N, C-alpha and C. Protein backbone atom coordinates (compact mmCIF):
# COMPACT_ATOMS: atom_id res chain seq x y z
N MET A 1 100.40 82.04 105.43
CA MET A 1 102.10 82.77 105.35
C MET A 1 100.83 83.52 104.30
N PRO A 2 101.99 84.98 103.78
CA PRO A 2 101.44 86.13 102.46
C PRO A 2 100.94 85.54 101.55
N LYS A 3 100.36 85.53 101.09
CA LYS A 3 100.77 85.49 99.48
C LYS A 3 101.58 86.39 99.57
N ARG A 4 102.01 86.21 97.29
CA ARG A 4 103.16 86.43 97.21
C ARG A 4 102.55 87.79 95.31
N ILE A 5 102.87 89.45 95.35
CA ILE A 5 102.80 89.71 94.86
C ILE A 5 103.59 90.84 93.62
N LEU A 6 103.17 90.20 92.06
CA LEU A 6 104.02 89.94 91.50
C LEU A 6 103.12 91.66 90.34
N GLN A 7 104.29 92.21 90.10
CA GLN A 7 104.75 92.66 88.74
C GLN A 7 104.78 92.68 88.02
N GLY A 8 104.33 92.66 86.54
CA GLY A 8 104.56 92.90 85.67
C GLY A 8 103.84 92.59 84.05
N ARG A 9 104.09 92.47 82.98
CA ARG A 9 103.65 92.88 81.88
C ARG A 9 103.02 91.74 81.31
N VAL A 10 101.89 91.95 80.42
CA VAL A 10 101.23 91.14 79.61
C VAL A 10 101.33 91.07 78.27
N VAL A 11 102.26 89.65 77.95
CA VAL A 11 102.34 89.51 76.72
C VAL A 11 101.39 88.37 75.67
N SER A 12 100.73 87.98 76.34
CA SER A 12 99.04 87.47 75.87
C SER A 12 97.80 86.90 76.60
N ASP A 13 96.56 87.11 75.47
CA ASP A 13 95.55 87.43 75.51
C ASP A 13 94.94 85.83 74.85
N LEU A 14 95.60 85.47 73.88
CA LEU A 14 95.15 84.49 73.30
C LEU A 14 93.67 83.63 73.82
N ASN A 15 94.57 83.20 75.24
CA ASN A 15 93.48 82.13 75.46
C ASN A 15 92.28 82.71 76.85
N SER A 16 90.65 81.79 76.93
CA SER A 16 89.60 83.45 77.43
C SER A 16 90.28 82.42 78.70
N LYS A 17 89.47 84.26 79.92
CA LYS A 17 89.80 84.15 80.54
C LYS A 17 91.54 83.87 81.40
N THR A 18 92.30 83.85 80.37
CA THR A 18 93.66 83.37 80.94
C THR A 18 94.66 84.44 80.63
N VAL A 19 94.85 85.57 81.02
CA VAL A 19 96.46 86.33 79.89
C VAL A 19 98.48 85.02 80.52
N THR A 20 99.58 85.24 80.34
CA THR A 20 100.85 85.78 80.20
C THR A 20 100.94 86.87 80.60
N VAL A 21 101.92 87.02 81.40
CA VAL A 21 102.36 87.83 82.16
C VAL A 21 103.95 87.23 81.98
N SER A 22 104.99 87.44 81.95
CA SER A 22 106.65 88.31 82.02
C SER A 22 106.36 89.33 83.55
N VAL A 23 107.38 88.89 83.94
CA VAL A 23 107.37 89.19 84.73
C VAL A 23 109.18 89.30 85.30
N GLU A 24 109.69 90.41 85.35
CA GLU A 24 110.96 90.70 85.58
C GLU A 24 111.86 91.04 86.38
N ARG A 25 113.28 90.71 87.00
CA ARG A 25 113.45 90.99 88.25
C ARG A 25 114.93 91.38 87.86
N ARG A 26 115.49 91.87 88.02
CA ARG A 26 116.24 92.78 87.71
C ARG A 26 117.65 92.21 89.64
N PHE A 27 119.01 92.03 89.58
CA PHE A 27 119.55 92.03 90.52
C PHE A 27 121.07 91.82 90.47
N LYS A 28 122.41 92.23 91.55
CA LYS A 28 123.46 91.98 91.17
C LYS A 28 124.19 90.38 91.02
N HIS A 29 124.95 90.07 89.90
CA HIS A 29 125.51 89.29 89.13
C HIS A 29 126.47 89.03 90.76
N PRO A 30 126.81 88.24 91.42
CA PRO A 30 127.25 87.64 93.06
C PRO A 30 129.28 87.43 92.39
N VAL A 31 129.28 87.18 91.84
CA VAL A 31 130.94 87.54 90.76
C VAL A 31 131.16 89.37 90.75
N LEU A 32 130.28 89.21 88.94
CA LEU A 32 130.69 89.66 87.37
C LEU A 32 129.67 91.64 88.84
N LYS A 33 129.33 91.14 89.98
CA LYS A 33 129.17 92.93 90.31
C LYS A 33 128.32 93.88 89.82
N LYS A 34 127.31 92.98 88.68
CA LYS A 34 126.39 93.55 87.90
C LYS A 34 125.52 93.55 87.21
N THR A 35 124.76 94.19 87.55
CA THR A 35 122.25 94.28 87.05
C THR A 35 122.54 93.20 86.59
N VAL A 36 122.39 92.03 85.76
CA VAL A 36 121.53 91.65 85.53
C VAL A 36 119.66 91.30 85.93
N ARG A 37 119.20 91.11 84.59
CA ARG A 37 117.85 91.49 84.56
C ARG A 37 117.13 89.79 83.75
N LYS A 38 116.14 88.98 84.41
CA LYS A 38 115.59 87.72 84.38
C LYS A 38 114.18 88.19 84.04
N SER A 39 113.86 87.96 83.23
CA SER A 39 111.90 87.36 82.88
C SER A 39 112.38 85.76 83.16
N LYS A 40 110.49 85.76 84.05
CA LYS A 40 110.29 84.59 84.08
C LYS A 40 108.40 84.64 83.84
N LYS A 41 107.86 84.18 82.89
CA LYS A 41 106.63 83.81 81.63
C LYS A 41 105.17 82.74 83.34
N TYR A 42 104.44 83.58 83.52
CA TYR A 42 103.53 83.39 84.50
C TYR A 42 101.52 83.21 83.20
N ARG A 43 101.42 82.28 84.51
CA ARG A 43 99.85 82.20 83.36
C ARG A 43 99.17 82.23 84.84
N ALA A 44 97.77 83.51 84.77
CA ALA A 44 97.16 83.96 85.36
C ALA A 44 95.91 84.42 85.08
N HIS A 45 95.29 83.43 85.55
CA HIS A 45 93.32 84.06 85.54
C HIS A 45 92.63 85.52 85.55
N ASP A 46 91.85 85.39 84.10
CA ASP A 46 91.76 86.71 84.93
C ASP A 46 90.09 87.13 84.24
N GLY A 47 89.40 86.60 85.10
CA GLY A 47 87.67 86.23 84.55
C GLY A 47 87.64 86.69 83.92
N ALA A 48 87.36 88.37 84.06
CA ALA A 48 86.24 88.47 82.94
C ALA A 48 86.74 89.25 81.67
N ASP A 49 88.42 89.14 81.22
CA ASP A 49 88.96 88.88 79.65
C ASP A 49 89.15 90.80 78.66
N LYS A 50 89.30 91.47 80.84
CA LYS A 50 90.02 93.04 80.10
C LYS A 50 90.74 93.48 80.26
N HIS A 51 92.31 92.52 80.52
CA HIS A 51 93.34 92.87 80.36
C HIS A 51 94.03 92.40 78.75
N LYS A 52 94.83 93.25 77.35
CA LYS A 52 94.71 93.54 76.80
C LYS A 52 96.98 93.29 76.67
N VAL A 53 97.10 92.29 75.70
CA VAL A 53 99.27 92.75 75.80
C VAL A 53 99.35 94.12 75.29
N GLY A 54 100.29 94.02 76.66
CA GLY A 54 101.28 95.71 76.92
C GLY A 54 100.45 96.01 78.16
N ASP A 55 99.53 95.54 78.65
CA ASP A 55 99.06 96.69 79.85
C ASP A 55 99.84 95.46 80.74
N ILE A 56 99.55 96.26 81.92
CA ILE A 56 101.07 96.09 83.26
C ILE A 56 99.73 95.80 84.18
N VAL A 57 100.09 95.04 84.88
CA VAL A 57 98.77 94.11 86.12
C VAL A 57 100.10 93.86 87.00
N LYS A 58 99.18 92.97 87.77
CA LYS A 58 100.46 92.89 89.20
C LYS A 58 98.92 91.48 89.42
N ILE A 59 99.41 90.46 89.70
CA ILE A 59 98.96 89.58 90.30
C ILE A 59 99.48 88.95 91.65
N ARG A 60 98.59 88.32 91.62
CA ARG A 60 98.47 86.86 93.66
C ARG A 60 98.68 85.98 93.23
N GLU A 61 98.92 85.66 93.96
CA GLU A 61 99.53 84.27 94.83
C GLU A 61 98.21 83.24 94.31
N THR A 62 97.50 82.50 94.19
CA THR A 62 96.47 81.72 94.47
C THR A 62 96.61 80.04 94.62
N LEU A 63 95.01 79.13 94.73
CA LEU A 63 94.91 78.14 95.11
C LEU A 63 95.18 77.92 92.96
N PRO A 64 95.25 76.20 92.96
CA PRO A 64 95.11 75.83 91.14
C PRO A 64 93.91 76.21 90.79
N ILE A 65 94.11 76.44 89.80
CA ILE A 65 92.89 77.36 89.65
C ILE A 65 92.92 75.52 87.72
N SER A 66 94.34 75.59 88.23
CA SER A 66 94.13 74.44 86.57
C SER A 66 95.67 74.12 86.06
N ARG A 67 95.64 72.87 84.76
CA ARG A 67 97.19 72.82 85.03
C ARG A 67 98.17 73.83 85.19
N THR A 68 98.36 74.59 84.80
CA THR A 68 99.39 75.88 84.72
C THR A 68 99.33 76.91 85.56
N LYS A 69 98.33 77.37 86.20
CA LYS A 69 97.65 78.38 86.70
C LYS A 69 97.14 78.24 88.19
N ARG A 70 98.15 79.01 88.64
CA ARG A 70 98.77 79.41 90.07
C ARG A 70 98.37 81.28 90.65
N TRP A 71 97.94 81.82 89.68
CA TRP A 71 97.96 82.96 90.07
C TRP A 71 96.68 84.15 89.30
N GLU A 72 97.13 84.81 89.64
CA GLU A 72 94.79 85.88 89.84
C GLU A 72 95.11 87.44 89.23
N VAL A 73 94.71 87.37 88.50
CA VAL A 73 94.87 88.89 88.26
C VAL A 73 93.93 90.00 88.74
N ILE A 74 94.65 90.85 89.62
CA ILE A 74 94.13 92.09 90.62
C ILE A 74 93.73 92.53 90.53
N GLU A 75 94.68 93.50 89.37
CA GLU A 75 94.59 95.79 88.79
C GLU A 75 95.23 95.60 87.52
């Protein structure tokens, strides 16, 4: 099964080797027929600590790294 790749914006880099990425998705509401924006935060592993708040990054699904981290930054 291929690993999912998502694109989002870094909203926090306070922890070492970890960034919090906010991923926004848009979809049409089934009843209202209006575009809805929803966002979700993912904690991703950033081993080099090179990404800062505001950067746009791509994250990939991976094996669990810690209790909350299931993603890693790829670019």
